[in-house]
C-alpha cells in the first residue's frame, strides 16, 4: 500500500478492436460482430499500450464482456480472463441497434446516445447503474493489484465519467477508440484519470 493510502492497483479499461460495424459507425450493442483483420492486429499490438500503463505484477482480476469481439481482444492482447461479466456489455441501443447516427437522425433529428431518446434500449440512468456496480466491485479488489475491464466504447466512456463523479452523459467528453486503453486511478483517495485512450503502436512504426 502506498504511503498516501491509495490502493496499489488501478482500473484499466480496454475497448475491443475494430469491427466492421464500428468502422462504419453502426451502433453495436447486443449484436455479436467479429473483429476485422485490422481489429485483430490492433488487439495484438495493444500489448505495448498496456505495458506502458500497467503495474509490473499480474492483474488482480481481468473481467470481460460476453461479446466475442471483447473476448477475442483480451486473448489477442495476452490477457487471461478470470470471468465474463454480463454487466460489461455495451449500452443496449434498443431500436437503434445497427444504425448509424445519421440514419437515426432521419427520424429523430439531433439525436445522440447521450441525449436520447432511447426507444427499446437503456437510458443513461440504466447504464450508470451498471457502471457504478462494476466500479464498486472492481474498487474492492484494488489492494491486490490492477483490475482490467475489457469491453466497449460507450460503456467505457460511462465508466470513465462515473469514476470521476460525472453523470453517464459526461462520457461525451472522453474519446475511446477501438483497442484504446484508459486508466482510472487515485489522487490521495480522490478518483482521477491517469490515462485516456492510449493506443497501440501503429503497425508501420514497428
N, C-alpha and C. Protein backbone atom coordinates (compact mmCIF):
# COMPACT_ATOMS: atom_id res chain seq x y z
N UNK A 1 0.86 -1.19 0.00
CA UNK A 1 0.00 0.00 0.00
C UNK A 1 0.89 1.24 0.00
N UNK A 2 0.57 2.22 -0.81
CA UNK A 2 1.37 3.44 -0.88
C UNK A 2 1.17 4.27 0.38
N UNK A 3 2.11 5.20 0.62
CA UNK A 3 2.09 5.98 1.85
C UNK A 3 0.91 6.93 1.90
N UNK A 4 0.31 7.29 0.75
CA UNK A 4 -0.85 8.18 0.78
C UNK A 4 -2.15 7.41 0.92
N UNK A 5 -2.05 6.12 1.22
CA UNK A 5 -3.20 5.26 1.50
C UNK A 5 -4.02 4.94 0.27
N UNK A 6 -3.57 5.33 -0.92
CA UNK A 6 -4.26 4.89 -2.13
C UNK A 6 -3.96 3.42 -2.35
N UNK A 7 -4.88 2.68 -2.96
CA UNK A 7 -4.60 1.26 -3.23
C UNK A 7 -3.47 1.11 -4.24
N UNK A 8 -2.85 -0.06 -4.22
CA UNK A 8 -1.75 -0.31 -5.15
C UNK A 8 -2.25 -0.40 -6.60
N UNK A 9 -3.45 -0.89 -6.78
CA UNK A 9 -3.95 -1.12 -8.13
C UNK A 9 -4.79 0.02 -8.67
N UNK A 10 -5.01 -0.05 -9.98
CA UNK A 10 -5.88 0.89 -10.67
C UNK A 10 -6.80 0.08 -11.58
N UNK A 11 -7.81 0.74 -12.12
CA UNK A 11 -8.74 0.09 -13.04
C UNK A 11 -8.34 0.44 -14.46
N UNK A 12 -8.06 -0.59 -15.27
CA UNK A 12 -7.70 -0.41 -16.67
C UNK A 12 -8.89 -0.80 -17.54
N UNK A 13 -9.26 0.07 -18.44
CA UNK A 13 -10.35 -0.18 -19.38
C UNK A 13 -9.77 -0.42 -20.76
N UNK A 14 -10.11 -1.55 -21.36
CA UNK A 14 -9.67 -1.87 -22.72
C UNK A 14 -10.88 -2.06 -23.60
N UNK A 15 -10.99 -1.21 -24.64
CA UNK A 15 -12.06 -1.38 -25.61
C UNK A 15 -11.65 -2.43 -26.64
N UNK A 16 -12.60 -3.19 -27.12
CA UNK A 16 -12.31 -4.19 -28.15
C UNK A 16 -11.77 -3.53 -29.43
N UNK A 17 -11.11 -4.33 -30.26
CA UNK A 17 -10.59 -3.84 -31.53
C UNK A 17 -11.70 -3.56 -32.54
N UNK A 18 -11.29 -3.08 -33.68
CA UNK A 18 -12.24 -2.68 -34.72
C UNK A 18 -13.10 -3.85 -35.22
N UNK A 19 -14.37 -3.58 -35.44
CA UNK A 19 -15.27 -4.48 -36.16
C UNK A 19 -15.76 -3.75 -37.40
N UNK A 20 -16.41 -4.47 -38.28
CA UNK A 20 -16.96 -3.82 -39.46
C UNK A 20 -18.00 -2.78 -39.08
N UNK A 21 -18.77 -3.08 -38.06
CA UNK A 21 -19.79 -2.12 -37.62
C UNK A 21 -19.17 -0.90 -36.95
N UNK A 22 -18.14 -1.09 -36.14
CA UNK A 22 -17.51 0.09 -35.52
C UNK A 22 -16.81 0.94 -36.58
N UNK A 23 -16.25 0.28 -37.58
CA UNK A 23 -15.57 1.02 -38.65
C UNK A 23 -16.54 1.90 -39.42
N UNK A 24 -17.77 1.43 -39.60
CA UNK A 24 -18.76 2.18 -40.38
C UNK A 24 -19.71 3.00 -39.52
N UNK A 25 -19.48 3.01 -38.20
CA UNK A 25 -20.27 3.86 -37.32
C UNK A 25 -21.61 3.31 -36.90
N UNK A 26 -21.84 2.01 -37.09
CA UNK A 26 -23.10 1.41 -36.66
C UNK A 26 -23.08 1.16 -35.16
N UNK A 27 -24.17 1.48 -34.51
CA UNK A 27 -24.27 1.23 -33.07
C UNK A 27 -24.38 -0.28 -32.82
N UNK A 28 -23.41 -0.79 -32.07
CA UNK A 28 -23.27 -2.24 -31.90
C UNK A 28 -23.39 -2.58 -30.43
N UNK A 29 -24.56 -3.00 -30.01
CA UNK A 29 -24.76 -3.38 -28.62
C UNK A 29 -24.82 -4.88 -28.47
N UNK A 30 -25.99 -5.45 -28.64
CA UNK A 30 -26.19 -6.89 -28.43
C UNK A 30 -25.62 -7.74 -29.56
N UNK A 31 -25.53 -7.18 -30.77
CA UNK A 31 -25.11 -7.97 -31.93
C UNK A 31 -23.66 -8.40 -31.78
N UNK A 32 -23.41 -9.68 -32.04
CA UNK A 32 -22.06 -10.24 -31.84
C UNK A 32 -21.27 -10.15 -33.15
N UNK A 33 -20.70 -9.00 -33.41
CA UNK A 33 -19.96 -8.75 -34.64
C UNK A 33 -18.48 -9.07 -34.40
N UNK A 34 -17.83 -9.84 -35.28
CA UNK A 34 -16.42 -10.21 -35.04
C UNK A 34 -15.46 -9.07 -35.36
N UNK A 35 -14.24 -9.21 -34.88
CA UNK A 35 -13.18 -8.27 -35.21
C UNK A 35 -12.82 -8.36 -36.68
N UNK A 36 -12.46 -7.23 -37.27
CA UNK A 36 -11.87 -7.25 -38.59
C UNK A 36 -10.41 -7.69 -38.48
N UNK A 37 -9.77 -7.92 -39.62
CA UNK A 37 -8.34 -8.25 -39.59
C UNK A 37 -7.55 -7.12 -38.94
N UNK A 38 -7.93 -5.87 -39.25
CA UNK A 38 -7.26 -4.73 -38.64
C UNK A 38 -7.50 -4.70 -37.13
N UNK A 39 -8.72 -5.08 -36.73
CA UNK A 39 -9.04 -5.11 -35.31
C UNK A 39 -8.25 -6.17 -34.56
N UNK A 40 -8.05 -7.31 -35.20
CA UNK A 40 -7.27 -8.36 -34.57
C UNK A 40 -5.80 -7.94 -34.46
N UNK A 41 -5.30 -7.27 -35.48
CA UNK A 41 -3.92 -6.81 -35.43
C UNK A 41 -3.72 -5.77 -34.34
N UNK A 42 -4.66 -4.82 -34.23
CA UNK A 42 -4.56 -3.80 -33.19
C UNK A 42 -4.65 -4.42 -31.80
N UNK A 43 -5.48 -5.46 -31.65
CA UNK A 43 -5.59 -6.13 -30.35
C UNK A 43 -4.26 -6.78 -29.97
N UNK A 44 -3.55 -7.33 -30.93
CA UNK A 44 -2.22 -7.89 -30.63
C UNK A 44 -1.26 -6.78 -30.23
N UNK A 45 -1.32 -5.65 -30.93
CA UNK A 45 -0.37 -4.57 -30.69
C UNK A 45 -0.68 -3.77 -29.43
N UNK A 46 -1.91 -3.90 -28.91
CA UNK A 46 -2.26 -3.14 -27.72
C UNK A 46 -1.50 -3.63 -26.50
N UNK A 47 -0.83 -4.77 -26.61
CA UNK A 47 0.03 -5.22 -25.51
C UNK A 47 1.03 -4.13 -25.12
N UNK A 48 1.54 -3.40 -26.14
CA UNK A 48 2.51 -2.34 -25.85
C UNK A 48 1.88 -1.22 -25.03
N UNK A 49 0.66 -0.82 -25.41
CA UNK A 49 -0.03 0.23 -24.67
C UNK A 49 -0.32 -0.22 -23.24
N UNK A 50 -0.73 -1.47 -23.09
CA UNK A 50 -0.98 -1.99 -21.74
C UNK A 50 0.30 -2.03 -20.92
N UNK A 51 1.40 -2.41 -21.55
CA UNK A 51 2.68 -2.50 -20.83
C UNK A 51 3.12 -1.13 -20.32
N UNK A 52 2.78 -0.07 -21.03
CA UNK A 52 3.17 1.28 -20.63
C UNK A 52 2.43 1.76 -19.40
N UNK A 53 1.20 1.30 -19.21
CA UNK A 53 0.37 1.83 -18.13
C UNK A 53 0.12 0.84 -17.00
N UNK A 54 0.40 -0.44 -17.22
CA UNK A 54 0.15 -1.44 -16.19
C UNK A 54 1.25 -1.48 -15.15
N UNK A 55 0.89 -1.92 -13.97
CA UNK A 55 1.91 -2.26 -12.98
C UNK A 55 2.59 -3.56 -13.41
N UNK A 56 3.77 -3.80 -12.87
CA UNK A 56 4.54 -4.97 -13.30
C UNK A 56 3.88 -6.28 -12.88
N UNK A 57 3.24 -6.28 -11.73
CA UNK A 57 2.61 -7.50 -11.24
C UNK A 57 1.42 -7.89 -12.12
N UNK A 58 1.09 -9.16 -12.19
CA UNK A 58 -0.10 -9.57 -12.94
C UNK A 58 -1.35 -8.90 -12.37
N UNK A 59 -2.36 -8.67 -13.20
CA UNK A 59 -3.60 -8.06 -12.69
C UNK A 59 -4.22 -8.91 -11.61
N UNK A 60 -4.85 -8.25 -10.67
CA UNK A 60 -5.59 -8.98 -9.64
C UNK A 60 -6.80 -9.67 -10.24
N UNK A 61 -7.36 -9.08 -11.29
CA UNK A 61 -8.57 -9.62 -11.90
C UNK A 61 -8.72 -9.05 -13.30
N UNK A 62 -9.12 -9.90 -14.24
CA UNK A 62 -9.45 -9.48 -15.60
C UNK A 62 -10.87 -9.93 -15.88
N UNK A 63 -11.74 -8.96 -16.11
CA UNK A 63 -13.15 -9.24 -16.39
C UNK A 63 -13.46 -8.80 -17.80
N UNK A 64 -14.35 -9.51 -18.47
CA UNK A 64 -14.58 -9.27 -19.89
C UNK A 64 -16.07 -9.30 -20.21
N UNK A 65 -16.47 -8.45 -21.14
CA UNK A 65 -17.81 -8.50 -21.71
C UNK A 65 -18.06 -9.87 -22.33
N UNK A 66 -19.32 -10.30 -22.41
CA UNK A 66 -19.61 -11.60 -23.03
C UNK A 66 -19.49 -11.60 -24.55
N UNK A 67 -19.37 -10.45 -25.19
CA UNK A 67 -19.33 -10.39 -26.65
C UNK A 67 -18.00 -10.94 -27.18
N UNK A 68 -18.09 -11.66 -28.30
CA UNK A 68 -16.90 -12.29 -28.89
C UNK A 68 -15.83 -11.27 -29.21
N UNK A 69 -16.21 -10.09 -29.67
CA UNK A 69 -15.22 -9.07 -30.04
C UNK A 69 -14.37 -8.64 -28.84
N UNK A 70 -14.97 -8.65 -27.66
CA UNK A 70 -14.23 -8.31 -26.45
C UNK A 70 -13.37 -9.48 -25.99
N UNK A 71 -13.93 -10.68 -26.00
CA UNK A 71 -13.17 -11.84 -25.55
C UNK A 71 -11.99 -12.13 -26.46
N UNK A 72 -12.17 -11.95 -27.77
CA UNK A 72 -11.05 -12.15 -28.69
C UNK A 72 -9.98 -11.08 -28.50
N UNK A 73 -10.40 -9.85 -28.23
CA UNK A 73 -9.43 -8.78 -27.97
C UNK A 73 -8.59 -9.10 -26.74
N UNK A 74 -9.24 -9.55 -25.69
CA UNK A 74 -8.49 -9.89 -24.47
C UNK A 74 -7.47 -10.98 -24.74
N UNK A 75 -7.88 -12.01 -25.45
CA UNK A 75 -6.95 -13.11 -25.75
C UNK A 75 -5.78 -12.63 -26.60
N UNK A 76 -6.07 -11.86 -27.65
CA UNK A 76 -5.00 -11.38 -28.54
C UNK A 76 -4.08 -10.41 -27.82
N UNK A 77 -4.60 -9.70 -26.82
CA UNK A 77 -3.78 -8.76 -26.05
C UNK A 77 -2.96 -9.45 -24.98
N UNK A 78 -3.09 -10.77 -24.87
CA UNK A 78 -2.30 -11.51 -23.90
C UNK A 78 -2.85 -11.51 -22.50
N UNK A 79 -4.14 -11.21 -22.35
CA UNK A 79 -4.77 -11.19 -21.03
C UNK A 79 -5.46 -12.52 -20.75
N UNK A 80 -5.34 -12.98 -19.53
CA UNK A 80 -6.05 -14.18 -19.11
C UNK A 80 -7.32 -13.74 -18.40
N UNK A 81 -8.45 -13.99 -19.02
CA UNK A 81 -9.73 -13.55 -18.48
C UNK A 81 -10.13 -14.45 -17.31
N UNK A 82 -10.39 -13.83 -16.17
CA UNK A 82 -10.81 -14.57 -14.99
C UNK A 82 -12.31 -14.87 -15.02
N UNK A 83 -13.08 -13.96 -15.58
CA UNK A 83 -14.53 -14.17 -15.62
C UNK A 83 -15.15 -13.28 -16.68
N UNK A 84 -16.22 -13.78 -17.28
CA UNK A 84 -17.05 -12.98 -18.18
C UNK A 84 -18.14 -12.34 -17.33
N UNK A 85 -18.30 -11.03 -17.47
CA UNK A 85 -19.25 -10.27 -16.66
C UNK A 85 -20.28 -9.61 -17.59
N UNK A 86 -21.51 -10.05 -17.50
CA UNK A 86 -22.56 -9.51 -18.36
C UNK A 86 -22.75 -8.01 -18.19
N UNK A 87 -22.36 -7.49 -17.04
CA UNK A 87 -22.52 -6.05 -16.80
C UNK A 87 -21.59 -5.21 -17.67
N UNK A 88 -20.57 -5.83 -18.27
CA UNK A 88 -19.62 -5.11 -19.13
C UNK A 88 -20.09 -5.05 -20.58
N UNK A 89 -21.29 -5.57 -20.86
CA UNK A 89 -21.83 -5.47 -22.22
C UNK A 89 -22.00 -4.00 -22.60
N UNK A 90 -22.03 -3.75 -23.91
CA UNK A 90 -22.20 -2.39 -24.41
C UNK A 90 -23.59 -1.86 -24.07
N UNK A 91 -23.73 -0.55 -24.10
CA UNK A 91 -25.02 0.12 -23.97
C UNK A 91 -26.02 -0.59 -24.87
N UNK A 92 -27.18 -0.92 -24.36
CA UNK A 92 -28.22 -1.55 -25.17
C UNK A 92 -28.92 -0.45 -25.96
N UNK A 93 -28.72 -0.45 -27.29
CA UNK A 93 -29.24 0.62 -28.14
C UNK A 93 -30.69 0.41 -28.55
N UNK A 94 -31.28 -0.71 -28.18
CA UNK A 94 -32.68 -0.93 -28.47
C UNK A 94 -32.98 -0.87 -29.96
N UNK A 95 -33.97 -0.06 -30.32
CA UNK A 95 -34.39 0.04 -31.72
C UNK A 95 -33.32 0.65 -32.61
N UNK A 96 -32.31 1.27 -32.03
CA UNK A 96 -31.25 1.91 -32.82
C UNK A 96 -30.07 0.98 -33.09
N UNK A 97 -30.17 -0.27 -32.65
CA UNK A 97 -29.11 -1.25 -32.90
C UNK A 97 -28.85 -1.38 -34.41
N UNK A 98 -27.59 -1.29 -34.78
CA UNK A 98 -27.20 -1.48 -36.17
C UNK A 98 -27.34 -0.27 -37.06
N UNK A 99 -27.76 0.87 -36.48
CA UNK A 99 -27.94 2.09 -37.27
C UNK A 99 -26.83 3.08 -36.95
N UNK A 100 -26.47 3.89 -37.95
CA UNK A 100 -25.51 4.97 -37.72
C UNK A 100 -26.25 6.19 -37.18
N UNK A 101 -25.51 7.13 -36.62
CA UNK A 101 -26.14 8.35 -36.12
C UNK A 101 -26.89 9.11 -37.22
N UNK A 102 -26.31 9.31 -38.42
CA UNK A 102 -27.09 10.00 -39.46
C UNK A 102 -28.39 9.27 -39.81
N UNK A 103 -28.37 7.94 -39.82
CA UNK A 103 -29.60 7.19 -40.10
C UNK A 103 -30.63 7.40 -39.01
N UNK A 104 -30.19 7.37 -37.75
CA UNK A 104 -31.12 7.56 -36.63
C UNK A 104 -31.72 8.96 -36.68
N UNK A 105 -30.90 9.95 -37.05
CA UNK A 105 -31.38 11.32 -37.09
C UNK A 105 -32.38 11.56 -38.22
N UNK A 106 -32.49 10.60 -39.14
CA UNK A 106 -33.52 10.72 -40.16
C UNK A 106 -34.91 10.73 -39.56
N UNK A 107 -35.11 10.02 -38.45
CA UNK A 107 -36.41 10.01 -37.78
C UNK A 107 -36.38 10.70 -36.42
N UNK A 108 -35.17 10.89 -35.87
CA UNK A 108 -35.01 11.56 -34.57
C UNK A 108 -33.99 12.69 -34.73
N UNK A 109 -34.40 13.83 -35.27
CA UNK A 109 -33.45 14.93 -35.54
C UNK A 109 -32.65 15.33 -34.30
N UNK A 110 -31.33 15.49 -34.50
CA UNK A 110 -30.46 15.92 -33.41
C UNK A 110 -30.10 14.84 -32.42
N UNK A 111 -30.49 13.60 -32.70
CA UNK A 111 -30.28 12.52 -31.74
C UNK A 111 -28.81 12.30 -31.43
N UNK A 112 -28.51 12.03 -30.14
CA UNK A 112 -27.23 11.44 -29.73
C UNK A 112 -27.54 10.39 -28.68
N UNK A 113 -26.61 9.47 -28.48
CA UNK A 113 -26.81 8.45 -27.45
C UNK A 113 -26.89 9.08 -26.07
N UNK A 114 -26.25 10.24 -25.90
CA UNK A 114 -26.20 10.89 -24.59
C UNK A 114 -27.51 11.61 -24.27
N UNK A 115 -28.19 12.12 -25.30
CA UNK A 115 -29.39 12.92 -25.10
C UNK A 115 -30.69 12.18 -25.40
N UNK A 116 -30.60 11.07 -26.15
CA UNK A 116 -31.76 10.27 -26.45
C UNK A 116 -32.65 10.87 -27.53
N UNK A 117 -33.88 10.32 -27.66
CA UNK A 117 -34.48 9.28 -26.82
C UNK A 117 -33.88 7.90 -27.08
N UNK A 118 -34.30 6.91 -26.27
CA UNK A 118 -33.71 5.57 -26.31
C UNK A 118 -34.80 4.52 -26.49
N UNK A 119 -35.51 4.53 -27.60
CA UNK A 119 -36.63 3.58 -27.77
C UNK A 119 -36.17 2.13 -27.71
N UNK A 120 -36.74 1.39 -26.78
CA UNK A 120 -36.43 -0.02 -26.64
C UNK A 120 -35.09 -0.34 -26.04
N UNK A 121 -34.34 0.69 -25.63
CA UNK A 121 -32.99 0.47 -25.12
C UNK A 121 -32.79 1.00 -23.71
N UNK A 122 -31.52 1.05 -23.29
CA UNK A 122 -31.18 1.54 -21.96
C UNK A 122 -31.10 3.07 -21.95
N UNK A 123 -31.51 3.65 -20.85
CA UNK A 123 -31.35 5.08 -20.63
C UNK A 123 -29.98 5.31 -19.98
N UNK A 124 -29.51 6.57 -19.94
CA UNK A 124 -28.26 6.85 -19.23
C UNK A 124 -28.31 6.40 -17.76
N UNK A 125 -29.45 6.54 -17.11
CA UNK A 125 -29.55 6.09 -15.72
C UNK A 125 -29.36 4.57 -15.61
N UNK A 126 -29.91 3.84 -16.58
CA UNK A 126 -29.73 2.39 -16.59
C UNK A 126 -28.25 2.03 -16.72
N UNK A 127 -27.59 2.69 -17.65
CA UNK A 127 -26.18 2.37 -17.91
C UNK A 127 -25.32 2.82 -16.73
N UNK A 128 -25.64 3.96 -16.15
CA UNK A 128 -24.88 4.44 -14.99
C UNK A 128 -24.99 3.46 -13.82
N UNK A 129 -26.15 2.87 -13.62
CA UNK A 129 -26.32 1.91 -12.53
C UNK A 129 -25.42 0.70 -12.74
N UNK A 130 -25.35 0.22 -13.98
CA UNK A 130 -24.45 -0.91 -14.28
C UNK A 130 -23.00 -0.51 -14.03
N UNK A 131 -22.64 0.68 -14.51
CA UNK A 131 -21.26 1.14 -14.35
C UNK A 131 -20.88 1.27 -12.88
N UNK A 132 -21.76 1.83 -12.09
CA UNK A 132 -21.47 2.00 -10.66
C UNK A 132 -21.27 0.66 -9.97
N UNK A 133 -22.07 -0.33 -10.35
CA UNK A 133 -21.92 -1.65 -9.74
C UNK A 133 -20.59 -2.28 -10.12
N UNK A 134 -20.21 -2.16 -11.40
CA UNK A 134 -18.92 -2.70 -11.85
C UNK A 134 -17.77 -2.01 -11.13
N UNK A 135 -17.82 -0.68 -11.07
CA UNK A 135 -16.72 0.07 -10.44
C UNK A 135 -16.63 -0.24 -8.95
N UNK A 136 -17.76 -0.40 -8.29
CA UNK A 136 -17.74 -0.74 -6.87
C UNK A 136 -17.05 -2.07 -6.62
N UNK A 137 -17.38 -3.07 -7.43
CA UNK A 137 -16.75 -4.38 -7.26
C UNK A 137 -15.27 -4.33 -7.61
N UNK A 138 -14.92 -3.59 -8.66
CA UNK A 138 -13.51 -3.50 -9.06
C UNK A 138 -12.70 -2.76 -8.00
N UNK A 139 -13.25 -1.72 -7.47
CA UNK A 139 -12.53 -0.92 -6.47
C UNK A 139 -12.19 -1.76 -5.24
N UNK A 140 -13.06 -2.69 -4.90
CA UNK A 140 -12.83 -3.53 -3.72
C UNK A 140 -11.64 -4.47 -3.91
N UNK A 141 -11.18 -4.65 -5.14
CA UNK A 141 -10.07 -5.56 -5.42
C UNK A 141 -8.72 -4.86 -5.58
N UNK A 142 -8.71 -3.54 -5.54
CA UNK A 142 -7.51 -2.80 -5.95
C UNK A 142 -6.35 -2.91 -4.96
N UNK A 143 -6.61 -3.30 -3.73
CA UNK A 143 -5.50 -3.53 -2.80
C UNK A 143 -4.64 -4.71 -3.25
N UNK A 144 -5.17 -5.53 -4.15
CA UNK A 144 -4.45 -6.72 -4.62
C UNK A 144 -3.81 -6.50 -6.00
N UNK A 145 -3.97 -5.32 -6.58
CA UNK A 145 -3.37 -5.04 -7.89
C UNK A 145 -4.36 -4.45 -8.87
N UNK A 146 -3.92 -4.30 -10.11
CA UNK A 146 -4.77 -3.73 -11.15
C UNK A 146 -5.96 -4.64 -11.46
N UNK A 147 -7.06 -4.01 -11.85
CA UNK A 147 -8.23 -4.73 -12.36
C UNK A 147 -8.43 -4.27 -13.81
N UNK A 148 -8.51 -5.23 -14.72
CA UNK A 148 -8.68 -4.91 -16.15
C UNK A 148 -10.10 -5.26 -16.56
N UNK A 149 -10.77 -4.29 -17.18
CA UNK A 149 -12.13 -4.48 -17.67
C UNK A 149 -12.11 -4.36 -19.19
N UNK A 150 -12.45 -5.45 -19.87
CA UNK A 150 -12.40 -5.48 -21.34
C UNK A 150 -13.82 -5.36 -21.87
N UNK A 151 -14.08 -4.31 -22.62
CA UNK A 151 -15.45 -4.09 -23.05
C UNK A 151 -15.59 -3.24 -24.29
N UNK A 152 -16.38 -2.18 -24.18
CA UNK A 152 -16.88 -1.48 -25.35
C UNK A 152 -16.72 0.03 -25.22
N UNK A 153 -16.98 0.72 -26.32
CA UNK A 153 -16.73 2.15 -26.39
C UNK A 153 -17.61 3.00 -25.50
N UNK A 154 -18.92 2.98 -25.74
CA UNK A 154 -19.79 3.85 -24.96
C UNK A 154 -19.80 3.46 -23.49
N UNK A 155 -19.80 2.16 -23.20
CA UNK A 155 -19.83 1.79 -21.79
C UNK A 155 -18.53 2.17 -21.09
N UNK A 156 -17.39 2.07 -21.77
CA UNK A 156 -16.13 2.50 -21.17
C UNK A 156 -16.15 4.00 -20.90
N UNK A 157 -16.78 4.76 -21.78
CA UNK A 157 -16.87 6.21 -21.57
C UNK A 157 -17.76 6.52 -20.36
N UNK A 158 -18.82 5.73 -20.18
CA UNK A 158 -19.66 5.91 -18.99
C UNK A 158 -18.90 5.52 -17.73
N UNK A 159 -18.14 4.43 -17.77
CA UNK A 159 -17.32 4.05 -16.62
C UNK A 159 -16.35 5.17 -16.25
N UNK A 160 -15.75 5.78 -17.24
CA UNK A 160 -14.80 6.87 -17.00
C UNK A 160 -15.51 8.06 -16.36
N UNK A 161 -16.67 8.40 -16.89
CA UNK A 161 -17.42 9.53 -16.34
C UNK A 161 -17.85 9.28 -14.91
N UNK A 162 -18.37 8.09 -14.65
CA UNK A 162 -18.86 7.78 -13.31
C UNK A 162 -17.71 7.73 -12.30
N UNK A 163 -16.53 7.31 -12.74
CA UNK A 163 -15.38 7.23 -11.84
C UNK A 163 -15.06 8.59 -11.22
N UNK A 164 -15.20 9.65 -12.01
CA UNK A 164 -14.86 10.98 -11.51
C UNK A 164 -16.10 11.79 -11.14
N UNK A 165 -17.23 11.11 -10.96
CA UNK A 165 -18.41 11.75 -10.41
C UNK A 165 -19.29 12.47 -11.40
N UNK A 166 -19.09 12.25 -12.70
CA UNK A 166 -19.96 12.85 -13.70
C UNK A 166 -21.15 11.95 -13.97
N UNK A 167 -22.25 12.50 -14.46
CA UNK A 167 -23.35 11.63 -14.89
C UNK A 167 -22.93 10.82 -16.11
N UNK A 168 -23.73 9.83 -16.46
CA UNK A 168 -23.40 9.00 -17.62
C UNK A 168 -23.19 9.84 -18.86
N UNK A 169 -23.98 10.90 -19.02
CA UNK A 169 -23.85 11.75 -20.20
C UNK A 169 -22.51 12.46 -20.27
N UNK A 170 -21.78 12.51 -19.15
CA UNK A 170 -20.44 13.09 -19.16
C UNK A 170 -19.46 12.29 -19.99
N UNK A 171 -19.84 11.06 -20.36
CA UNK A 171 -18.98 10.25 -21.23
C UNK A 171 -18.72 10.90 -22.58
N UNK A 172 -19.57 11.86 -22.96
CA UNK A 172 -19.36 12.55 -24.24
C UNK A 172 -18.00 13.24 -24.29
N UNK A 173 -17.41 13.54 -23.16
CA UNK A 173 -16.16 14.29 -23.10
C UNK A 173 -14.92 13.42 -23.26
N UNK A 174 -15.08 12.09 -23.37
CA UNK A 174 -13.93 11.19 -23.45
C UNK A 174 -13.96 10.40 -24.74
N UNK A 175 -12.84 10.39 -25.45
CA UNK A 175 -12.72 9.60 -26.67
C UNK A 175 -12.14 8.24 -26.31
N UNK A 176 -12.75 7.20 -26.84
CA UNK A 176 -12.25 5.84 -26.63
C UNK A 176 -12.32 5.12 -27.97
N UNK A 177 -11.17 4.99 -28.63
CA UNK A 177 -11.11 4.34 -29.93
C UNK A 177 -11.01 2.83 -29.79
N UNK A 178 -11.28 2.08 -30.85
CA UNK A 178 -11.07 0.64 -30.80
C UNK A 178 -9.64 0.30 -30.35
N UNK A 179 -9.52 -0.66 -29.46
CA UNK A 179 -8.24 -1.07 -28.86
C UNK A 179 -7.60 0.05 -28.05
N UNK A 180 -8.40 1.02 -27.60
CA UNK A 180 -7.89 2.07 -26.73
C UNK A 180 -7.89 1.63 -25.27
N UNK A 181 -6.93 2.15 -24.51
CA UNK A 181 -6.78 1.81 -23.09
C UNK A 181 -6.90 3.08 -22.26
N UNK A 182 -7.71 3.03 -21.22
CA UNK A 182 -7.81 4.12 -20.26
C UNK A 182 -7.52 3.58 -18.87
N UNK A 183 -7.03 4.46 -17.99
CA UNK A 183 -6.65 4.03 -16.64
C UNK A 183 -7.31 4.95 -15.62
N UNK A 184 -8.02 4.34 -14.68
CA UNK A 184 -8.69 5.07 -13.61
C UNK A 184 -7.89 4.89 -12.33
N UNK A 185 -7.40 5.99 -11.79
CA UNK A 185 -6.55 5.92 -10.61
C UNK A 185 -7.05 6.81 -9.48
N UNK A 186 -6.12 7.21 -8.61
CA UNK A 186 -6.46 8.00 -7.43
C UNK A 186 -5.44 9.10 -7.20
N UNK A 187 -5.90 10.16 -6.56
CA UNK A 187 -5.04 11.22 -6.02
C UNK A 187 -5.41 11.38 -4.55
N UNK A 188 -4.66 10.70 -3.67
CA UNK A 188 -4.93 10.75 -2.24
C UNK A 188 -6.40 10.47 -1.93
N UNK A 189 -6.88 9.37 -2.49
CA UNK A 189 -8.23 8.93 -2.22
C UNK A 189 -9.29 9.49 -3.14
N UNK A 190 -8.93 10.47 -3.95
CA UNK A 190 -9.90 11.07 -4.87
C UNK A 190 -9.73 10.42 -6.25
N UNK A 191 -10.79 9.88 -6.83
CA UNK A 191 -10.67 9.26 -8.15
C UNK A 191 -10.19 10.26 -9.20
N UNK A 192 -9.24 9.82 -10.03
CA UNK A 192 -8.73 10.68 -11.10
C UNK A 192 -8.52 9.83 -12.35
N UNK A 193 -8.30 10.50 -13.47
CA UNK A 193 -7.98 9.83 -14.72
C UNK A 193 -6.48 9.87 -14.92
N UNK A 194 -5.85 8.71 -14.96
CA UNK A 194 -4.40 8.65 -15.17
C UNK A 194 -4.05 8.63 -16.65
N UNK A 195 -4.84 7.93 -17.46
CA UNK A 195 -4.61 7.86 -18.91
C UNK A 195 -5.97 7.69 -19.59
N UNK A 196 -6.11 8.29 -20.76
CA UNK A 196 -7.34 8.13 -21.54
C UNK A 196 -6.97 7.81 -22.99
N UNK A 197 -7.52 6.72 -23.50
CA UNK A 197 -7.42 6.36 -24.91
C UNK A 197 -5.98 6.17 -25.38
N UNK A 198 -5.18 5.46 -24.59
CA UNK A 198 -3.85 5.07 -25.05
C UNK A 198 -4.01 4.06 -26.18
N UNK A 199 -3.25 4.23 -27.24
CA UNK A 199 -3.46 3.43 -28.45
C UNK A 199 -2.29 2.50 -28.72
N UNK A 200 -2.54 1.41 -29.48
CA UNK A 200 -1.43 0.55 -29.90
C UNK A 200 -0.45 1.30 -30.79
N UNK A 201 0.81 0.86 -30.77
CA UNK A 201 1.79 1.42 -31.68
C UNK A 201 1.36 1.14 -33.12
N UNK A 202 1.34 2.17 -34.00
CA UNK A 202 0.95 1.91 -35.39
C UNK A 202 1.80 0.82 -36.02
N UNK A 203 1.16 -0.01 -36.85
CA UNK A 203 1.87 -1.14 -37.44
C UNK A 203 3.08 -0.70 -38.23
N UNK A 204 2.98 0.47 -38.90
CA UNK A 204 4.10 0.91 -39.75
C UNK A 204 5.30 1.37 -38.93
N UNK A 205 5.10 1.59 -37.61
CA UNK A 205 6.20 2.03 -36.75
C UNK A 205 6.92 0.86 -36.09
N UNK A 206 6.46 -0.35 -36.34
CA UNK A 206 7.04 -1.50 -35.67
C UNK A 206 8.13 -2.11 -36.53
